[in-house]
Amino acid sequence: MTSILFVGQQPETVDFSDPSLPPGFDADKIKAGIAIALDKIRERGWQGATCMITPDAAGSATLETALRGAAYDCVVIGGGLRLPAKSLGLFETVVNLVHKGAPEAAIAFNTRPEDTAEAAARQLARH
C-alpha cells in the first residue's frame, strides 16, 4: 500500500500574523484542512500519517522519529514550513531530514493542507 507522510508545523505554533501566509488562516482551519487531506489520501487507497512539528530542535527530533518509524513512498512538506521567509532555516532542516531519513521517498510540496493528496499524486506519478 502506498504510504504518505504529511509534515507540517504544529498549528498552535504558527505566526498567523505573517503576511506570507494566506489571509484568514488559523489553527482550526489548518486542523480541518489536515483532516480533509487525510480523507483524500484514504480515498485514493493510500495510507496517510501526519507529523506536526514545532519550529525547534524538538520538532526535528519528532520528524526523525517519524521517518525511522515507517517507510514512506512520498513525504509532503506543508506550505506553512515553506512560505514564511523567516522559516527558511526550518524548511531546509526538514528537507534535509527527509532526504536523509527517507531517501527512497518522493518529496512533494502542498499549497494548503487540503491539496496534500494531489501534491503526493504529482510526485508519485513521476517517481
C-alpha atoms as a PDB file:
ATOM      1  CA  MET A   1       0.000   0.000   0.000  1.00  0.00           C
ATOM      2  CA  THR A   2       1.253   3.477  -0.845  1.00  0.00           C
ATOM      3  CA  SER A   3       2.228   5.366   2.282  1.00  0.00           C
ATOM      4  CA  ILE A   4       2.223   9.159   2.578  1.00  0.00           C
ATOM      5  CA  LEU A   5       3.669  11.277   5.392  1.00  0.00           C
ATOM      6  CA  PHE A   6       2.440  14.851   5.689  1.00  0.00           C
ATOM      7  CA  VAL A   7       4.894  17.081   7.578  1.00  0.00           C
ATOM      8  CA  GLY A   8       3.734  20.443   8.858  1.00  0.00           C
ATOM      9  CA  GLN A   9       4.186  22.860  11.685  1.00  0.00           C
ATOM     10  CA  GLN A  10       2.000  22.357  14.735  1.00  0.00           C
ATOM     11  CA  PRO A  11      -0.844  24.800  14.080  1.00  0.00           C
ATOM     12  CA  GLU A  12      -0.624  26.271  17.581  1.00  0.00           C
ATOM     13  CA  THR A  13       2.963  27.387  16.907  1.00  0.00           C
ATOM     14  CA  VAL A  14       2.304  29.203  13.609  1.00  0.00           C
ATOM     15  CA  ASP A  15       2.592  33.003  13.499  1.00  0.00           C
ATOM     16  CA  PHE A  16      -0.632  33.800  11.642  1.00  0.00           C
ATOM     17  CA  SER A  17       0.249  37.494  11.507  1.00  0.00           C
ATOM     18  CA  ASP A  18       2.930  36.707   8.903  1.00  0.00           C
ATOM     19  CA  PRO A  19       1.727  38.296   5.624  1.00  0.00           C
ATOM     20  CA  SER A  20       3.211  35.444   3.545  1.00  0.00           C
ATOM     21  CA  LEU A  21       0.536  33.103   4.903  1.00  0.00           C
ATOM     22  CA  PRO A  22      -2.924  33.044   3.331  1.00  0.00           C
ATOM     23  CA  PRO A  23      -5.230  35.584   4.974  1.00  0.00           C
ATOM     24  CA  GLY A  24      -7.757  34.187   7.400  1.00  0.00           C
ATOM     25  CA  PHE A  25      -5.748  31.077   8.276  1.00  0.00           C
ATOM     26  CA  ASP A  26      -5.836  29.977  11.884  1.00  0.00           C
ATOM     27  CA  ALA A  27      -5.078  26.799  13.834  1.00  0.00           C
ATOM     28  CA  ASP A  28      -8.617  25.458  13.499  1.00  0.00           C
ATOM     29  CA  LYS A  29      -8.636  25.919   9.709  1.00  0.00           C
ATOM     30  CA  ILE A  30      -5.301  24.133   9.439  1.00  0.00           C
ATOM     31  CA  LYS A  31      -6.559  21.232  11.578  1.00  0.00           C
ATOM     32  CA  ALA A  32      -9.697  20.978   9.428  1.00  0.00           C
ATOM     33  CA  GLY A  33      -7.536  21.017   6.284  1.00  0.00           C
ATOM     34  CA  ILE A  34      -5.361  18.223   7.654  1.00  0.00           C
ATOM     35  CA  ALA A  35      -8.461  16.113   8.292  1.00  0.00           C
ATOM     36  CA  ILE A  36      -9.582  16.710   4.692  1.00  0.00           C
ATOM     37  CA  ALA A  37      -6.094  15.810   3.439  1.00  0.00           C
ATOM     38  CA  LEU A  38      -6.115  12.510   5.315  1.00  0.00           C
ATOM     39  CA  ASP A  39      -9.592  11.705   3.957  1.00  0.00           C
ATOM     40  CA  LYS A  40      -8.412  12.386   0.386  1.00  0.00           C
ATOM     41  CA  ILE A  41      -5.348  10.205   0.930  1.00  0.00           C
ATOM     42  CA  ARG A  42      -7.541   7.328   2.157  1.00  0.00           C
ATOM     43  CA  GLU A  43      -9.958   7.838  -0.769  1.00  0.00           C
ATOM     44  CA  ARG A  44      -7.035   7.109  -3.098  1.00  0.00           C
ATOM     45  CA  GLY A  45      -6.429   3.845  -1.253  1.00  0.00           C
ATOM     46  CA  TRP A  46      -3.268   5.135   0.365  1.00  0.00           C
ATOM     47  CA  GLN A  47      -2.160   5.069   3.974  1.00  0.00           C
ATOM     48  CA  GLY A  48      -1.612   8.526   5.455  1.00  0.00           C
ATOM     49  CA  ALA A  49       0.211   9.773   8.509  1.00  0.00           C
ATOM     50  CA  THR A  50       0.969  13.219   9.834  1.00  0.00           C
ATOM     51  CA  CYS A  51       3.974  14.633  11.625  1.00  0.00           C
ATOM     52  CA  MET A  52       3.258  18.066  13.037  1.00  0.00           C
ATOM     53  CA  ILE A  53       6.463  19.594  14.354  1.00  0.00           C
ATOM     54  CA  THR A  54       7.474  22.556  16.450  1.00  0.00           C
ATOM     55  CA  PRO A  55       9.945  25.071  14.976  1.00  0.00           C
ATOM     56  CA  ASP A  56      12.828  23.975  17.202  1.00  0.00           C
ATOM     57  CA  ALA A  57      15.169  21.063  17.923  1.00  0.00           C
ATOM     58  CA  ALA A  58      12.308  19.069  19.453  1.00  0.00           C
ATOM     59  CA  GLY A  59      10.453  19.339  16.136  1.00  0.00           C
ATOM     60  CA  SER A  60      13.459  17.978  14.266  1.00  0.00           C
ATOM     61  CA  ALA A  61      13.655  15.054  16.699  1.00  0.00           C
ATOM     62  CA  THR A  62       9.937  14.388  16.203  1.00  0.00           C
ATOM     63  CA  LEU A  63      10.419  14.230  12.421  1.00  0.00           C
ATOM     64  CA  GLU A  64      13.457  11.964  12.707  1.00  0.00           C
ATOM     65  CA  THR A  65      11.445   9.582  14.890  1.00  0.00           C
ATOM     66  CA  ALA A  66       8.551   9.551  12.409  1.00  0.00           C
ATOM     67  CA  LEU A  67      10.885   8.826   9.494  1.00  0.00           C
ATOM     68  CA  ARG A  68      12.517   5.940  11.367  1.00  0.00           C
ATOM     69  CA  GLY A  69       9.110   4.528  12.316  1.00  0.00           C
ATOM     70  CA  ALA A  70       7.892   3.644   8.824  1.00  0.00           C
ATOM     71  CA  ALA A  71       8.797   3.589   5.140  1.00  0.00           C
ATOM     72  CA  TYR A  72       7.064   6.253   3.064  1.00  0.00           C
ATOM     73  CA  ASP A  73       6.534   6.444  -0.670  1.00  0.00           C
ATOM     74  CA  CYS A  74       6.085  10.197  -0.524  1.00  0.00           C
ATOM     75  CA  VAL A  75       6.667  12.887   2.076  1.00  0.00           C
ATOM     76  CA  VAL A  76       4.617  16.047   1.585  1.00  0.00           C
ATOM     77  CA  ILE A  77       6.020  19.163   3.233  1.00  0.00           C
ATOM     78  CA  GLY A  78       3.401  21.743   4.108  1.00  0.00           C
ATOM     79  CA  GLY A  79       3.318  25.307   2.880  1.00  0.00           C
ATOM     80  CA  GLY A  80       3.467  26.674   6.417  1.00  0.00           C
ATOM     81  CA  LEU A  81       7.016  25.342   6.657  1.00  0.00           C
ATOM     82  CA  ARG A  82       7.952  26.693   3.264  1.00  0.00           C
ATOM     83  CA  LEU A  83       6.194  30.024   2.725  1.00  0.00           C
ATOM     84  CA  PRO A  84       7.262  32.337   5.562  1.00  0.00           C
ATOM     85  CA  ALA A  85      10.713  33.733   4.773  1.00  0.00           C
ATOM     86  CA  LYS A  86      11.639  33.587   8.439  1.00  0.00           C
ATOM     87  CA  SER A  87      11.096  29.800   8.317  1.00  0.00           C
ATOM     88  CA  LEU A  88      13.764  29.197   5.676  1.00  0.00           C
ATOM     89  CA  GLY A  89      16.146  27.541   8.164  1.00  0.00           C
ATOM     90  CA  LEU A  90      13.381  25.261   9.449  1.00  0.00           C
ATOM     91  CA  PHE A  91      12.359  24.380   5.899  1.00  0.00           C
ATOM     92  CA  GLU A  92      15.948  23.486   4.992  1.00  0.00           C
ATOM     93  CA  THR A  93      16.217  21.332   8.114  1.00  0.00           C
ATOM     94  CA  VAL A  94      13.001  19.479   7.231  1.00  0.00           C
ATOM     95  CA  VAL A  95      14.061  18.853   3.618  1.00  0.00           C
ATOM     96  CA  ASN A  96      17.436  17.535   4.714  1.00  0.00           C
ATOM     97  CA  LEU A  97      15.933  15.308   7.423  1.00  0.00           C
ATOM     98  CA  VAL A  98      13.501  13.851   4.878  1.00  0.00           C
ATOM     99  CA  HIS A  99      16.290  13.358   2.340  1.00  0.00           C
ATOM    100  CA  LYS A 100      18.383  11.532   4.939  1.00  0.00           C
ATOM    101  CA  GLY A 101      15.603   9.634   6.725  1.00  0.00           C
ATOM    102  CA  ALA A 102      13.547   8.611   3.678  1.00  0.00           C
ATOM    103  CA  PRO A 103      15.965   8.608   0.736  1.00  0.00           C
ATOM    104  CA  GLU A 104      13.678   6.488  -1.451  1.00  0.00           C
ATOM    105  CA  ALA A 105      10.598   8.651  -0.893  1.00  0.00           C
ATOM    106  CA  ALA A 106       9.406  11.266  -3.328  1.00  0.00           C
ATOM    107  CA  ILE A 107       9.216  14.740  -1.812  1.00  0.00           C
ATOM    108  CA  ALA A 108       6.205  16.904  -2.593  1.00  0.00           C
ATOM    109  CA  PHE A 109       5.006  20.339  -1.549  1.00  0.00           C
ATOM    110  CA  ASN A 110       1.415  21.357  -0.972  1.00  0.00           C
ATOM    111  CA  THR A 111      -0.030  24.866  -1.075  1.00  0.00           C
ATOM    112  CA  ARG A 112      -2.560  24.243   1.706  1.00  0.00           C
ATOM    113  CA  PRO A 113      -3.411  21.186   3.796  1.00  0.00           C
ATOM    114  CA  GLU A 114      -6.363  20.234   1.593  1.00  0.00           C
ATOM    115  CA  ASP A 115      -4.220  19.649  -1.506  1.00  0.00           C
ATOM    116  CA  THR A 116      -1.758  17.267   0.158  1.00  0.00           C
ATOM    117  CA  ALA A 117      -3.058  14.191  -1.695  1.00  0.00           C
ATOM    118  CA  GLU A 118      -2.800  15.999  -5.023  1.00  0.00           C
ATOM    119  CA  ALA A 119       0.785  17.053  -4.243  1.00  0.00           C
ATOM    120  CA  ALA A 120       1.694  13.447  -3.427  1.00  0.00           C
ATOM    121  CA  ALA A 121      -0.023  12.169  -6.578  1.00  0.00           C
ATOM    122  CA  ARG A 122       2.013  14.558  -8.770  1.00  0.00           C
ATOM    123  CA  GLN A 123       5.271  13.220  -7.436  1.00  0.00           C
ATOM    124  CA  LEU A 124       4.288   9.568  -7.211  1.00  0.00           C
ATOM    125  CA  ALA A 125       3.418   9.678 -10.920  1.00  0.00           C
ATOM    126  CA  ARG A 126       6.998  10.832 -11.642  1.00  0.00           C
ATOM    127  CA  HIS A 127       8.850   8.768  -9.045  1.00  0.00           C
END
